[in-house]
Amino acid sequence: MYKRSTARSRRFSEFFVACPSKFRNLSNAIRNTPSDKEPSPVFLLRIERTWDGSPAAPDETATVEIEPREGTLVIRVDAPYHGDAPPAFPPGPTEALWEHEAIEVFLLGSDENYLEIEMGPHGHHLALVLRGRRHAIARGLPLDYVARIEGERWRGVAVVPREWLPAGLGRVNAFAVHGQREARRHLAAFPVPGDRPDFHRFESFGELPRGALEPEPAA
C-alpha cells in the first residue's frame, strides 16, 4: 500500500559504523536543506503483506519513503531488525544482498526498464539498472547510503541520482526479506502472487500517480 504526504559524492557507507553521527548528519542535511519552496511530496510505501498477499505480523511491518528532489530521489527505510547475520563483506556495494536481511525498492519504467535498489541494516547496498526482467546492464553502482540499527529497528537513507531512473517511470514496489532457509520471509508493499516468491512480477506493482516522483516546480 502507499500514500502521499508532504512534509554526494562520498561513500558514506564506508564509515557509518565507526561514526554513527554521519547517519544523523546525512539524514538531517537532506531534511533541512534550505529552500524557498514548499517541501516536496513524500511517496510512502508500507510493506505489510507477505509476497502472496497474507497480512504480515505487526512486528514485520516496514515503511519506505521516497522523496523527489532536484536531481535525486531520497529513499528512507524504517524497518524491524531481525538480527540476521550480515554479509561477509565490508559495507558498500554487495552482490546477492537479496540473500540477506534487506529492503528492496523497484522503480519500473516503460518496456520493462527498471531500477532496483537493495538496502541492508549494516550499510550494505546494491543498485542495479535493468533492461528487461533480470537483465542487468549496470550493477554495484556507487550509491550514497547509510544505515543504523536502533534496538529492534533499523533505518537507512539512500540518495539516488535521477539519471539512473528509467524512462516512463510509472510503477513501483517495495519488498522486505529476512530469515534463513525454511524460515525465510518475503514481504511486499504490493503482493506478487504466484507459485513462488518472485519480485519481478511487474503486473502486480502499484501504479504511480502522474508526476508522483517529480520534484516540486520552482516558484
N, C-alpha and C. Protein backbone atom coordinates (compact mmCIF):
# COMPACT_ATOMS: atom_id res chain seq x y z
N MET A 1 0.85 -1.19 0.00
CA MET A 1 0.00 0.00 0.00
C MET A 1 0.88 1.24 0.00
N TYR A 2 0.32 2.36 -0.51
CA TYR A 2 1.10 3.58 -0.50
C TYR A 2 0.17 4.76 -0.32
N LYS A 3 0.78 5.88 0.06
CA LYS A 3 0.06 7.14 0.09
C LYS A 3 1.09 8.25 -0.06
N ARG A 4 0.59 9.46 -0.31
CA ARG A 4 1.46 10.61 -0.41
C ARG A 4 1.21 11.53 0.75
N SER A 5 2.25 12.16 1.24
CA SER A 5 2.13 13.17 2.28
C SER A 5 3.11 14.28 1.96
N THR A 6 3.02 15.45 2.65
CA THR A 6 4.00 16.48 2.42
C THR A 6 4.89 16.60 3.63
N ALA A 7 5.19 16.83 3.82
CA ALA A 7 6.06 17.01 4.98
C ALA A 7 6.99 18.22 4.77
N ARG A 8 27.32 14.47 -2.14
CA ARG A 8 27.15 13.30 -2.91
C ARG A 8 28.46 12.99 -3.45
N SER A 9 30.28 13.09 -4.42
CA SER A 9 29.50 12.07 -3.86
C SER A 9 30.44 11.18 -3.09
N ARG A 10 30.42 11.33 -1.72
CA ARG A 10 31.27 10.47 -0.88
C ARG A 10 30.58 9.18 -0.59
N ARG A 11 31.32 8.15 -0.29
CA ARG A 11 30.77 6.83 0.02
C ARG A 11 30.50 6.78 1.52
N PHE A 12 29.34 7.30 1.94
CA PHE A 12 29.04 7.40 3.36
C PHE A 12 29.06 6.04 4.04
N SER A 13 28.70 5.00 3.30
CA SER A 13 28.59 3.68 3.91
C SER A 13 29.91 3.15 4.41
N GLU A 14 31.04 3.73 3.97
CA GLU A 14 32.34 3.21 4.38
C GLU A 14 32.67 3.55 5.82
N PHE A 15 32.00 4.60 6.37
CA PHE A 15 32.38 4.95 7.73
C PHE A 15 31.20 5.10 8.68
N PHE A 16 30.01 4.65 8.28
CA PHE A 16 28.85 4.86 9.16
C PHE A 16 28.95 4.06 10.44
N VAL A 17 29.62 2.87 10.40
CA VAL A 17 29.72 2.06 11.60
C VAL A 17 30.58 2.75 12.64
N ALA A 18 31.72 3.28 12.20
CA ALA A 18 32.62 3.94 13.14
C ALA A 18 32.10 5.29 13.59
N CYS A 19 31.32 5.94 12.75
CA CYS A 19 30.84 7.29 13.05
C CYS A 19 29.33 7.35 12.88
N PRO A 20 28.58 6.85 13.85
CA PRO A 20 27.12 6.83 13.68
C PRO A 20 26.52 8.21 13.51
N SER A 21 27.24 9.26 13.95
CA SER A 21 26.70 10.61 13.76
C SER A 21 26.56 10.95 12.28
N LYS A 22 27.33 10.26 11.41
CA LYS A 22 27.22 10.53 9.98
C LYS A 22 25.83 10.21 9.46
N PHE A 23 25.21 9.16 10.01
CA PHE A 23 23.83 8.83 9.63
C PHE A 23 22.93 10.02 9.94
N ARG A 24 23.04 10.52 11.16
CA ARG A 24 22.21 11.64 11.57
C ARG A 24 22.50 12.87 10.72
N ASN A 25 23.77 13.10 10.44
CA ASN A 25 24.12 14.29 9.68
C ASN A 25 23.57 14.24 8.26
N LEU A 26 23.68 13.08 7.60
CA LEU A 26 23.16 12.96 6.24
C LEU A 26 21.65 13.11 6.23
N SER A 27 20.99 12.39 7.14
CA SER A 27 19.53 12.44 7.18
C SER A 27 19.04 13.86 7.47
N ASN A 28 19.67 14.53 8.44
CA ASN A 28 19.26 15.89 8.79
C ASN A 28 19.56 16.86 7.66
N ALA A 29 20.70 16.67 6.99
CA ALA A 29 21.03 17.57 5.89
C ALA A 29 20.00 17.47 4.77
N ILE A 30 19.55 16.24 4.49
CA ILE A 30 18.55 16.05 3.45
C ILE A 30 17.23 16.70 3.85
N ARG A 31 16.83 16.47 5.10
CA ARG A 31 15.54 17.01 5.55
C ARG A 31 15.56 18.52 5.69
N ASN A 32 16.70 19.10 6.02
CA ASN A 32 16.75 20.51 6.37
C ASN A 32 17.44 21.37 5.34
N THR A 33 17.56 20.89 4.10
CA THR A 33 18.17 21.70 3.05
C THR A 33 17.35 22.97 2.87
N PRO A 34 17.98 24.14 2.98
CA PRO A 34 17.22 25.39 2.81
C PRO A 34 16.56 25.46 1.45
N SER A 35 15.37 25.96 1.41
CA SER A 35 14.64 26.06 0.16
C SER A 35 13.58 27.14 0.29
N ASP A 36 13.33 27.82 -0.82
CA ASP A 36 12.25 28.80 -0.85
C ASP A 36 10.93 28.16 -1.24
N LYS A 37 10.96 26.86 -1.52
CA LYS A 37 9.77 26.16 -1.98
C LYS A 37 9.13 25.38 -0.84
N GLU A 38 7.89 24.97 -1.05
CA GLU A 38 7.26 24.04 -0.13
C GLU A 38 7.96 22.70 -0.22
N PRO A 39 7.95 21.89 0.87
CA PRO A 39 8.59 20.57 0.80
C PRO A 39 7.98 19.72 -0.31
N SER A 40 8.82 18.91 -0.95
CA SER A 40 8.34 18.02 -1.99
C SER A 40 7.41 16.96 -1.39
N PRO A 41 6.44 16.48 -2.16
CA PRO A 41 5.60 15.39 -1.66
C PRO A 41 6.44 14.15 -1.39
N VAL A 42 6.11 13.45 -0.34
CA VAL A 42 6.79 12.21 0.01
C VAL A 42 5.87 11.05 -0.34
N PHE A 43 6.39 10.11 -1.09
CA PHE A 43 5.63 8.93 -1.51
C PHE A 43 5.94 7.82 -0.51
N LEU A 44 4.92 7.32 0.17
CA LEU A 44 5.09 6.36 1.26
C LEU A 44 4.59 4.99 0.86
N LEU A 45 5.45 3.98 1.01
CA LEU A 45 5.09 2.59 0.78
C LEU A 45 5.13 1.85 2.10
N ARG A 46 4.09 1.09 2.38
CA ARG A 46 4.03 0.28 3.60
C ARG A 46 4.16 -1.20 3.21
N ILE A 47 5.18 -1.83 3.71
CA ILE A 47 5.39 -3.26 3.46
C ILE A 47 4.72 -4.01 4.61
N GLU A 48 3.50 -4.48 4.37
CA GLU A 48 2.71 -5.06 5.45
C GLU A 48 1.95 -6.31 5.00
N ARG A 49 2.38 -6.90 3.87
CA ARG A 49 1.79 -8.15 3.38
C ARG A 49 2.89 -9.12 3.03
N THR A 50 2.57 -10.41 3.08
CA THR A 50 3.51 -11.39 2.55
C THR A 50 3.51 -11.27 1.02
N TRP A 51 4.47 -11.92 0.40
CA TRP A 51 4.59 -11.81 -1.06
C TRP A 51 3.32 -12.24 -1.80
N ASP A 52 2.54 -13.17 -1.19
CA ASP A 52 1.33 -13.67 -1.85
C ASP A 52 0.05 -13.06 -1.29
N GLY A 53 0.18 -12.05 -0.41
CA GLY A 53 -1.00 -11.27 -0.03
C GLY A 53 -1.54 -11.46 1.37
N SER A 54 -0.99 -12.36 2.16
CA SER A 54 -1.47 -12.53 3.53
C SER A 54 -0.94 -11.39 4.41
N PRO A 55 -1.68 -11.02 5.47
CA PRO A 55 -1.17 -9.97 6.36
C PRO A 55 0.14 -10.40 7.02
N ALA A 56 1.10 -9.49 7.08
CA ALA A 56 2.34 -9.75 7.79
C ALA A 56 2.12 -9.56 9.28
N ALA A 57 2.99 -10.14 10.08
CA ALA A 57 2.93 -9.92 11.52
C ALA A 57 3.20 -8.44 11.81
N PRO A 58 2.56 -7.88 12.84
CA PRO A 58 2.77 -6.45 13.15
C PRO A 58 4.23 -6.09 13.33
N ASP A 59 5.04 -7.00 13.89
CA ASP A 59 6.44 -6.67 14.12
C ASP A 59 7.31 -6.86 12.87
N GLU A 60 6.68 -7.14 11.72
CA GLU A 60 7.41 -7.24 10.46
C GLU A 60 7.18 -6.03 9.55
N THR A 61 6.24 -5.19 9.89
CA THR A 61 5.88 -4.08 9.01
C THR A 61 7.03 -3.08 8.86
N ALA A 62 7.32 -2.72 7.63
CA ALA A 62 8.36 -1.74 7.32
C ALA A 62 7.77 -0.64 6.45
N THR A 63 8.41 0.52 6.43
CA THR A 63 7.98 1.61 5.56
C THR A 63 9.15 2.10 4.73
N VAL A 64 8.81 2.56 3.53
CA VAL A 64 9.77 3.17 2.63
C VAL A 64 9.21 4.51 2.18
N GLU A 65 9.95 5.58 2.41
CA GLU A 65 9.59 6.91 1.93
C GLU A 65 10.46 7.24 0.72
N ILE A 66 9.83 7.76 -0.32
CA ILE A 66 10.57 8.22 -1.49
C ILE A 66 10.25 9.70 -1.69
N GLU A 67 11.27 10.52 -1.57
CA GLU A 67 11.08 11.97 -1.69
C GLU A 67 11.80 12.48 -2.93
N PRO A 68 11.08 13.08 -3.86
CA PRO A 68 11.75 13.65 -5.04
C PRO A 68 12.47 14.94 -4.69
N ARG A 69 13.69 15.03 -5.14
CA ARG A 69 14.48 16.24 -5.03
C ARG A 69 15.00 16.62 -6.41
N GLU A 70 15.46 17.82 -6.55
CA GLU A 70 16.04 18.23 -7.83
C GLU A 70 17.32 17.44 -8.07
N GLY A 71 17.29 16.60 -9.07
CA GLY A 71 18.46 15.81 -9.41
C GLY A 71 18.58 14.48 -8.71
N THR A 72 17.75 14.22 -7.69
CA THR A 72 17.85 12.98 -6.93
C THR A 72 16.48 12.52 -6.44
N LEU A 73 16.44 11.26 -6.00
CA LEU A 73 15.37 10.77 -5.13
C LEU A 73 16.03 10.40 -3.81
N VAL A 74 15.40 10.76 -2.72
CA VAL A 74 15.85 10.35 -1.39
C VAL A 74 14.94 9.22 -0.91
N ILE A 75 15.54 8.08 -0.58
CA ILE A 75 14.78 6.92 -0.12
C ILE A 75 15.12 6.69 1.35
N ARG A 76 14.10 6.65 2.19
CA ARG A 76 14.28 6.41 3.62
C ARG A 76 13.58 5.11 4.00
N VAL A 77 14.26 4.29 4.75
CA VAL A 77 13.74 3.00 5.21
C VAL A 77 13.61 3.02 6.72
N ASP A 78 12.50 2.48 7.21
CA ASP A 78 12.30 2.25 8.64
C ASP A 78 11.75 0.83 8.75
N ALA A 79 12.55 -0.07 9.32
CA ALA A 79 12.19 -1.50 9.27
C ALA A 79 12.57 -2.19 10.57
N PRO A 80 11.88 -3.27 10.91
CA PRO A 80 12.28 -4.07 12.07
C PRO A 80 13.62 -4.74 11.81
N TYR A 81 14.42 -4.85 12.86
CA TYR A 81 15.71 -5.53 12.75
C TYR A 81 15.55 -6.94 13.28
N HIS A 82 15.80 -7.94 12.41
CA HIS A 82 15.59 -9.34 12.76
C HIS A 82 16.86 -10.05 13.19
N GLY A 83 17.99 -9.36 13.15
CA GLY A 83 19.23 -9.93 13.66
C GLY A 83 19.90 -10.94 12.76
N ASP A 84 19.56 -10.95 11.47
CA ASP A 84 20.24 -11.86 10.55
C ASP A 84 21.72 -11.51 10.45
N ALA A 85 22.55 -12.50 10.20
CA ALA A 85 23.98 -12.26 10.05
C ALA A 85 24.23 -11.35 8.84
N PRO A 86 25.12 -10.38 8.95
CA PRO A 86 25.40 -9.51 7.81
C PRO A 86 26.22 -10.23 6.74
N PRO A 87 26.28 -9.70 5.54
CA PRO A 87 27.16 -10.28 4.52
C PRO A 87 28.61 -10.28 5.00
N ALA A 88 29.38 -11.20 4.48
CA ALA A 88 30.79 -11.34 4.90
C ALA A 88 31.69 -10.40 4.12
N PHE A 89 31.24 -9.15 3.95
CA PHE A 89 31.99 -8.14 3.22
C PHE A 89 31.80 -6.80 3.93
N PRO A 90 32.72 -5.86 3.73
CA PRO A 90 32.54 -4.53 4.33
C PRO A 90 31.30 -3.86 3.77
N PRO A 91 30.73 -2.90 4.50
CA PRO A 91 29.59 -2.14 3.97
C PRO A 91 29.95 -1.48 2.64
N GLY A 92 28.95 -1.40 1.77
CA GLY A 92 29.14 -0.86 0.43
C GLY A 92 28.42 -1.71 -0.57
N PRO A 93 28.70 -1.56 -1.86
CA PRO A 93 28.04 -2.39 -2.89
C PRO A 93 28.29 -3.87 -2.63
N THR A 94 27.20 -4.66 -2.60
CA THR A 94 27.29 -6.07 -2.20
C THR A 94 26.41 -6.92 -3.10
N GLU A 95 27.03 -7.81 -3.85
CA GLU A 95 26.26 -8.73 -4.68
C GLU A 95 25.45 -9.69 -3.82
N ALA A 96 24.33 -10.16 -4.36
CA ALA A 96 23.46 -11.13 -3.70
C ALA A 96 22.98 -10.65 -2.34
N LEU A 97 22.80 -9.34 -2.20
CA LEU A 97 22.28 -8.81 -0.93
C LEU A 97 20.88 -9.34 -0.66
N TRP A 98 20.16 -9.72 -1.72
CA TRP A 98 18.80 -10.26 -1.56
C TRP A 98 18.79 -11.57 -0.78
N GLU A 99 19.94 -12.19 -0.59
CA GLU A 99 20.01 -13.42 0.20
C GLU A 99 20.13 -13.14 1.70
N HIS A 100 20.20 -11.86 2.07
CA HIS A 100 20.36 -11.46 3.47
C HIS A 100 19.14 -10.67 3.92
N GLU A 101 19.20 -10.09 5.08
CA GLU A 101 18.13 -9.21 5.54
C GLU A 101 18.24 -7.90 4.77
N ALA A 102 17.16 -7.51 4.10
CA ALA A 102 17.24 -6.34 3.23
C ALA A 102 15.86 -5.80 2.90
N ILE A 103 15.85 -4.55 2.47
CA ILE A 103 14.69 -3.91 1.85
C ILE A 103 15.04 -3.66 0.39
N GLU A 104 14.09 -3.95 -0.51
CA GLU A 104 14.32 -3.78 -1.93
C GLU A 104 13.24 -2.86 -2.51
N VAL A 105 13.68 -1.91 -3.30
CA VAL A 105 12.76 -0.97 -3.96
C VAL A 105 12.93 -1.11 -5.47
N PHE A 106 11.80 -1.28 -6.17
CA PHE A 106 11.80 -1.42 -7.63
C PHE A 106 11.07 -0.21 -8.22
N LEU A 107 11.69 0.47 -9.16
CA LEU A 107 11.10 1.59 -9.87
C LEU A 107 11.05 1.23 -11.35
N LEU A 108 9.83 1.01 -11.86
CA LEU A 108 9.62 0.43 -13.18
C LEU A 108 9.20 1.48 -14.19
N GLY A 109 9.89 1.48 -15.33
CA GLY A 109 9.53 2.37 -16.42
C GLY A 109 8.91 1.61 -17.58
N SER A 110 8.96 2.18 -18.75
CA SER A 110 8.39 1.55 -19.94
C SER A 110 9.31 0.46 -20.46
N ASP A 111 8.73 -0.46 -21.21
CA ASP A 111 9.48 -1.54 -21.88
C ASP A 111 10.30 -2.38 -20.90
N GLU A 112 9.79 -2.56 -19.69
CA GLU A 112 10.46 -3.37 -18.67
C GLU A 112 11.86 -2.87 -18.35
N ASN A 113 12.05 -1.57 -18.44
CA ASN A 113 13.27 -0.94 -17.95
C ASN A 113 13.04 -0.53 -16.50
N TYR A 114 13.98 -0.85 -15.62
CA TYR A 114 13.73 -0.55 -14.22
C TYR A 114 15.02 -0.41 -13.41
N LEU A 115 14.85 0.21 -12.26
CA LEU A 115 15.93 0.40 -11.30
C LEU A 115 15.59 -0.39 -10.05
N GLU A 116 16.55 -1.14 -9.56
CA GLU A 116 16.38 -1.91 -8.32
C GLU A 116 17.41 -1.42 -7.31
N ILE A 117 16.91 -1.03 -6.14
CA ILE A 117 17.76 -0.56 -5.06
C ILE A 117 17.57 -1.49 -3.86
N GLU A 118 18.64 -2.12 -3.40
CA GLU A 118 18.60 -3.00 -2.24
C GLU A 118 19.41 -2.38 -1.11
N MET A 119 18.86 -2.44 0.10
CA MET A 119 19.48 -1.79 1.25
C MET A 119 19.43 -2.70 2.46
N GLY A 120 20.53 -2.81 3.17
CA GLY A 120 20.59 -3.65 4.35
C GLY A 120 20.86 -2.85 5.62
N PRO A 121 20.62 -3.45 6.78
CA PRO A 121 20.76 -2.73 8.05
C PRO A 121 22.20 -2.47 8.45
N HIS A 122 23.16 -3.12 7.83
CA HIS A 122 24.57 -2.98 8.22
C HIS A 122 25.35 -2.08 7.27
N GLY A 123 24.67 -1.38 6.36
CA GLY A 123 25.34 -0.47 5.45
C GLY A 123 25.64 -1.04 4.09
N HIS A 124 25.24 -2.28 3.83
CA HIS A 124 25.42 -2.88 2.51
C HIS A 124 24.29 -2.43 1.59
N HIS A 125 24.60 -2.35 0.30
CA HIS A 125 23.58 -1.95 -0.66
C HIS A 125 23.92 -2.51 -2.02
N LEU A 126 22.93 -2.50 -2.90
CA LEU A 126 23.13 -2.93 -4.28
C LEU A 126 22.16 -2.15 -5.16
N ALA A 127 22.71 -1.43 -6.13
CA ALA A 127 21.90 -0.68 -7.09
C ALA A 127 22.12 -1.27 -8.47
N LEU A 128 21.00 -1.61 -9.15
CA LEU A 128 21.07 -2.22 -10.47
C LEU A 128 20.16 -1.48 -11.44
N VAL A 129 20.66 -1.26 -12.65
CA VAL A 129 19.85 -0.78 -13.76
C VAL A 129 19.59 -1.97 -14.67
N LEU A 130 18.31 -2.21 -14.98
CA LEU A 130 17.94 -3.41 -15.75
C LEU A 130 17.15 -3.03 -17.00
N ARG A 131 17.40 -3.76 -18.07
CA ARG A 131 16.67 -3.62 -19.33
C ARG A 131 16.06 -4.99 -19.64
N GLY A 132 14.79 -5.16 -19.29
CA GLY A 132 14.17 -6.47 -19.36
C GLY A 132 14.33 -7.19 -18.04
N ARG A 133 13.42 -8.13 -17.79
CA ARG A 133 13.38 -8.79 -16.48
C ARG A 133 14.69 -9.51 -16.19
N ARG A 134 15.29 -9.10 -15.08
CA ARG A 134 16.52 -9.69 -14.54
C ARG A 134 17.75 -9.48 -15.44
N HIS A 135 17.64 -8.64 -16.44
CA HIS A 135 18.78 -8.40 -17.32
C HIS A 135 19.46 -7.09 -16.91
N ALA A 136 20.45 -7.20 -16.03
CA ALA A 136 21.13 -6.02 -15.53
C ALA A 136 22.18 -5.54 -16.52
N ILE A 137 22.15 -4.24 -16.83
CA ILE A 137 23.18 -3.65 -17.67
C ILE A 137 24.17 -2.84 -16.85
N ALA A 138 23.84 -2.58 -15.59
CA ALA A 138 24.76 -1.91 -14.67
C ALA A 138 24.41 -2.38 -13.27
N ARG A 139 25.43 -2.68 -12.47
CA ARG A 139 25.18 -3.18 -11.12
C ARG A 139 26.31 -2.72 -10.20
N GLY A 140 26.01 -2.68 -8.91
CA GLY A 140 27.01 -2.23 -7.95
C GLY A 140 27.33 -0.75 -8.08
N LEU A 141 26.34 0.05 -8.49
CA LEU A 141 26.57 1.48 -8.68
C LEU A 141 26.89 2.16 -7.34
N PRO A 142 27.65 3.26 -7.38
CA PRO A 142 28.13 3.89 -6.14
C PRO A 142 27.06 4.72 -5.45
N LEU A 143 26.17 4.04 -4.77
CA LEU A 143 25.03 4.68 -4.09
C LEU A 143 25.49 5.35 -2.80
N ASP A 144 25.03 6.58 -2.57
CA ASP A 144 25.22 7.22 -1.27
C ASP A 144 24.19 6.63 -0.31
N TYR A 145 24.65 5.89 0.69
CA TYR A 145 23.73 5.16 1.56
C TYR A 145 24.34 5.02 2.95
N VAL A 146 23.53 5.24 3.96
CA VAL A 146 23.91 4.99 5.34
C VAL A 146 22.77 4.26 6.03
N ALA A 147 23.09 3.46 7.03
CA ALA A 147 22.08 2.73 7.80
C ALA A 147 22.53 2.68 9.25
N ARG A 148 21.56 2.54 10.12
CA ARG A 148 21.86 2.45 11.55
C ARG A 148 20.84 1.54 12.22
N ILE A 149 21.31 0.64 13.06
CA ILE A 149 20.45 -0.23 13.86
C ILE A 149 20.16 0.47 15.18
N GLU A 150 18.88 0.53 15.53
CA GLU A 150 18.44 1.20 16.75
C GLU A 150 17.56 0.24 17.52
N GLY A 151 18.18 -0.60 18.35
CA GLY A 151 17.42 -1.56 19.13
C GLY A 151 16.76 -2.60 18.23
N GLU A 152 15.44 -2.64 18.22
CA GLU A 152 14.71 -3.63 17.44
C GLU A 152 14.34 -3.14 16.04
N ARG A 153 14.83 -1.97 15.65
CA ARG A 153 14.54 -1.45 14.31
C ARG A 153 15.84 -0.94 13.68
N TRP A 154 15.79 -0.78 12.37
CA TRP A 154 16.91 -0.13 11.69
C TRP A 154 16.37 0.88 10.69
N ARG A 155 17.20 1.84 10.40
CA ARG A 155 16.83 2.91 9.49
C ARG A 155 17.94 3.13 8.48
N GLY A 156 17.55 3.44 7.27
CA GLY A 156 18.52 3.71 6.21
C GLY A 156 18.10 4.89 5.37
N VAL A 157 19.08 5.56 4.79
CA VAL A 157 18.83 6.69 3.90
C VAL A 157 19.71 6.51 2.67
N ALA A 158 19.11 6.57 1.49
CA ALA A 158 19.84 6.46 0.22
C ALA A 158 19.51 7.68 -0.63
N VAL A 159 20.50 8.16 -1.39
CA VAL A 159 20.32 9.26 -2.33
C VAL A 159 20.58 8.72 -3.72
N VAL A 160 19.54 8.70 -4.56
CA VAL A 160 19.59 8.06 -5.87
C VAL A 160 19.62 9.13 -6.96
N PRO A 161 20.65 9.16 -7.80
CA PRO A 161 20.67 10.13 -8.89
C PRO A 161 19.54 9.90 -9.88
N ARG A 162 18.94 10.96 -10.37
CA ARG A 162 17.82 10.82 -11.30
C ARG A 162 18.23 10.18 -12.63
N GLU A 163 19.51 10.31 -12.99
CA GLU A 163 19.90 9.72 -14.27
C GLU A 163 19.84 8.21 -14.24
N TRP A 164 19.73 7.61 -13.08
CA TRP A 164 19.57 6.15 -13.01
C TRP A 164 18.14 5.71 -13.29
N LEU A 165 17.17 6.62 -13.20
CA LEU A 165 15.77 6.24 -13.30
C LEU A 165 15.40 5.87 -14.73
N PRO A 166 14.48 4.91 -14.90
CA PRO A 166 14.05 4.53 -16.24
C PRO A 166 13.11 5.56 -16.85
N ALA A 167 13.13 5.66 -18.16
CA ALA A 167 12.15 6.50 -18.85
C ALA A 167 10.75 5.91 -18.67
N GLY A 168 9.76 6.78 -18.62
CA GLY A 168 8.38 6.31 -18.49
C GLY A 168 8.08 5.73 -17.13
N LEU A 169 8.74 6.21 -16.09
CA LEU A 169 8.54 5.70 -14.74
C LEU A 169 7.05 5.75 -14.38
N GLY A 170 6.47 4.56 -14.07
CA GLY A 170 5.04 4.54 -13.82
C GLY A 170 4.58 3.53 -12.79
N ARG A 171 5.47 2.62 -12.36
CA ARG A 171 5.08 1.63 -11.37
C ARG A 171 6.18 1.47 -10.32
N VAL A 172 5.78 0.96 -9.15
CA VAL A 172 6.72 0.85 -8.03
C VAL A 172 6.32 -0.32 -7.15
N ASN A 173 7.30 -0.87 -6.47
CA ASN A 173 7.02 -1.85 -5.42
C ASN A 173 8.19 -1.84 -4.45
N ALA A 174 7.94 -2.35 -3.26
CA ALA A 174 8.99 -2.46 -2.24
C ALA A 174 8.79 -3.78 -1.51
N PHE A 175 9.90 -4.38 -1.13
CA PHE A 175 9.89 -5.70 -0.51
C PHE A 175 10.83 -5.73 0.69
N ALA A 176 10.55 -6.67 1.59
CA ALA A 176 11.44 -6.92 2.72
C ALA A 176 11.70 -8.42 2.77
N VAL A 177 12.96 -8.78 3.04
CA VAL A 177 13.33 -10.20 3.17
C VAL A 177 14.16 -10.37 4.43
N HIS A 178 13.93 -11.49 5.10
CA HIS A 178 14.74 -11.83 6.28
C HIS A 178 14.52 -13.29 6.61
N GLY A 179 15.37 -13.83 7.48
CA GLY A 179 15.26 -15.23 7.88
C GLY A 179 16.09 -16.14 6.99
N GLN A 180 16.19 -17.39 7.42
CA GLN A 180 17.03 -18.36 6.72
C GLN A 180 16.23 -19.62 6.38
N ARG A 181 16.56 -20.20 5.27
CA ARG A 181 16.02 -21.50 4.83
C ARG A 181 14.49 -21.54 4.95
N GLU A 182 13.96 -22.51 5.70
CA GLU A 182 12.50 -22.66 5.79
C GLU A 182 11.84 -21.47 6.47
N ALA A 183 12.61 -20.73 7.27
CA ALA A 183 12.06 -19.58 7.97
C ALA A 183 12.20 -18.28 7.17
N ARG A 184 12.64 -18.38 5.93
CA ARG A 184 12.80 -17.19 5.10
C ARG A 184 11.47 -16.52 4.87
N ARG A 185 11.43 -15.19 5.02
CA ARG A 185 10.20 -14.43 4.86
C ARG A 185 10.37 -13.45 3.71
N HIS A 186 9.31 -13.36 2.88
CA HIS A 186 9.29 -12.45 1.73
C HIS A 186 8.03 -11.59 1.86
N LEU A 187 8.21 -10.30 2.06
CA LEU A 187 7.10 -9.39 2.30
C LEU A 187 7.05 -8.34 1.19
N ALA A 188 5.86 -7.77 0.97
CA ALA A 188 5.69 -6.85 -0.15
C ALA A 188 4.75 -5.71 0.21
N ALA A 189 4.99 -4.56 -0.43
CA ALA A 189 4.01 -3.48 -0.37
C ALA A 189 2.82 -3.82 -1.27
N PHE A 190 3.12 -4.31 -2.48
CA PHE A 190 2.10 -4.81 -3.39
C PHE A 190 2.39 -6.29 -3.64
N PRO A 191 1.56 -7.19 -3.13
CA PRO A 191 1.84 -8.62 -3.27
C PRO A 191 2.02 -9.04 -4.72
N VAL A 192 2.83 -10.08 -4.90
CA VAL A 192 3.15 -10.60 -6.24
C VAL A 192 2.84 -12.10 -6.27
N PRO A 193 1.56 -12.47 -6.21
CA PRO A 193 1.18 -13.88 -6.07
C PRO A 193 1.62 -14.72 -7.25
N GLY A 194 1.83 -16.00 -6.97
CA GLY A 194 2.26 -16.96 -7.98
C GLY A 194 2.61 -18.26 -7.28
N ASP A 195 3.37 -19.10 -7.96
CA ASP A 195 3.72 -20.39 -7.37
C ASP A 195 4.91 -20.31 -6.43
N ARG A 196 5.62 -19.17 -6.43
CA ARG A 196 6.76 -18.96 -5.53
C ARG A 196 7.04 -17.47 -5.48
N PRO A 197 7.79 -17.01 -4.49
CA PRO A 197 8.13 -15.58 -4.45
C PRO A 197 8.93 -15.16 -5.67
N ASP A 198 8.48 -14.11 -6.33
CA ASP A 198 9.18 -13.57 -7.50
C ASP A 198 8.91 -12.07 -7.52
N PHE A 199 9.93 -11.28 -7.18
CA PHE A 199 9.75 -9.84 -7.07
C PHE A 199 9.72 -9.14 -8.42
N HIS A 200 9.84 -9.88 -9.51
CA HIS A 200 9.85 -9.29 -10.84
C HIS A 200 8.52 -9.48 -11.58
N ARG A 201 7.44 -9.70 -10.85
CA ARG A 201 6.12 -9.79 -11.46
C ARG A 201 5.55 -8.37 -11.57
N PHE A 202 5.92 -7.70 -12.64
CA PHE A 202 5.62 -6.28 -12.77
C PHE A 202 4.13 -5.98 -12.83
N GLU A 203 3.35 -6.93 -13.34
CA GLU A 203 1.92 -6.69 -13.47
C GLU A 203 1.24 -6.48 -12.12
N SER A 204 1.91 -6.88 -11.02
CA SER A 204 1.34 -6.71 -9.68
C SER A 204 1.84 -5.46 -8.97
N PHE A 205 2.72 -4.70 -9.60
CA PHE A 205 3.26 -3.49 -8.98
C PHE A 205 2.17 -2.43 -8.86
N GLY A 206 2.38 -1.50 -7.95
CA GLY A 206 1.46 -0.38 -7.80
C GLY A 206 1.73 0.69 -8.84
N GLU A 207 0.68 1.33 -9.30
CA GLU A 207 0.82 2.40 -10.27
C GLU A 207 1.16 3.71 -9.56
N LEU A 208 2.09 4.44 -10.14
CA LEU A 208 2.44 5.76 -9.62
C LEU A 208 1.51 6.81 -10.21
N PRO A 209 0.93 7.67 -9.38
CA PRO A 209 0.19 8.79 -9.95
C PRO A 209 1.11 9.65 -10.82
N ARG A 210 0.56 10.24 -11.84
CA ARG A 210 1.37 11.06 -12.75
C ARG A 210 2.13 12.13 -11.96
N GLY A 211 3.42 12.21 -12.18
CA GLY A 211 4.23 13.22 -11.51
C GLY A 211 4.54 12.95 -10.06
N ALA A 212 4.22 11.74 -9.57
CA ALA A 212 4.37 11.46 -8.14
C ALA A 212 5.81 11.61 -7.66
N LEU A 213 6.77 11.27 -8.50
CA LEU A 213 8.17 11.33 -8.09
C LEU A 213 8.93 12.46 -8.79
N GLU A 214 8.19 13.46 -9.23
CA GLU A 214 8.83 14.64 -9.80
C GLU A 214 8.99 15.69 -8.71
N PRO A 215 10.09 16.44 -8.72
CA PRO A 215 10.25 17.50 -7.71
C PRO A 215 9.23 18.59 -7.92
N GLU A 216 8.94 19.31 -6.85
CA GLU A 216 8.03 20.45 -6.97
C GLU A 216 8.63 21.49 -7.90
N PRO A 217 7.84 22.09 -8.78
CA PRO A 217 8.39 23.11 -9.69
C PRO A 217 8.84 24.35 -8.90
N ALA A 218 9.86 24.99 -9.42
CA ALA A 218 10.35 26.19 -8.77
C ALA A 218 9.27 27.28 -8.80
N ALA A 219 9.27 28.07 -7.74
CA ALA A 219 8.26 29.12 -7.65
C ALA A 219 8.54 30.23 -8.66
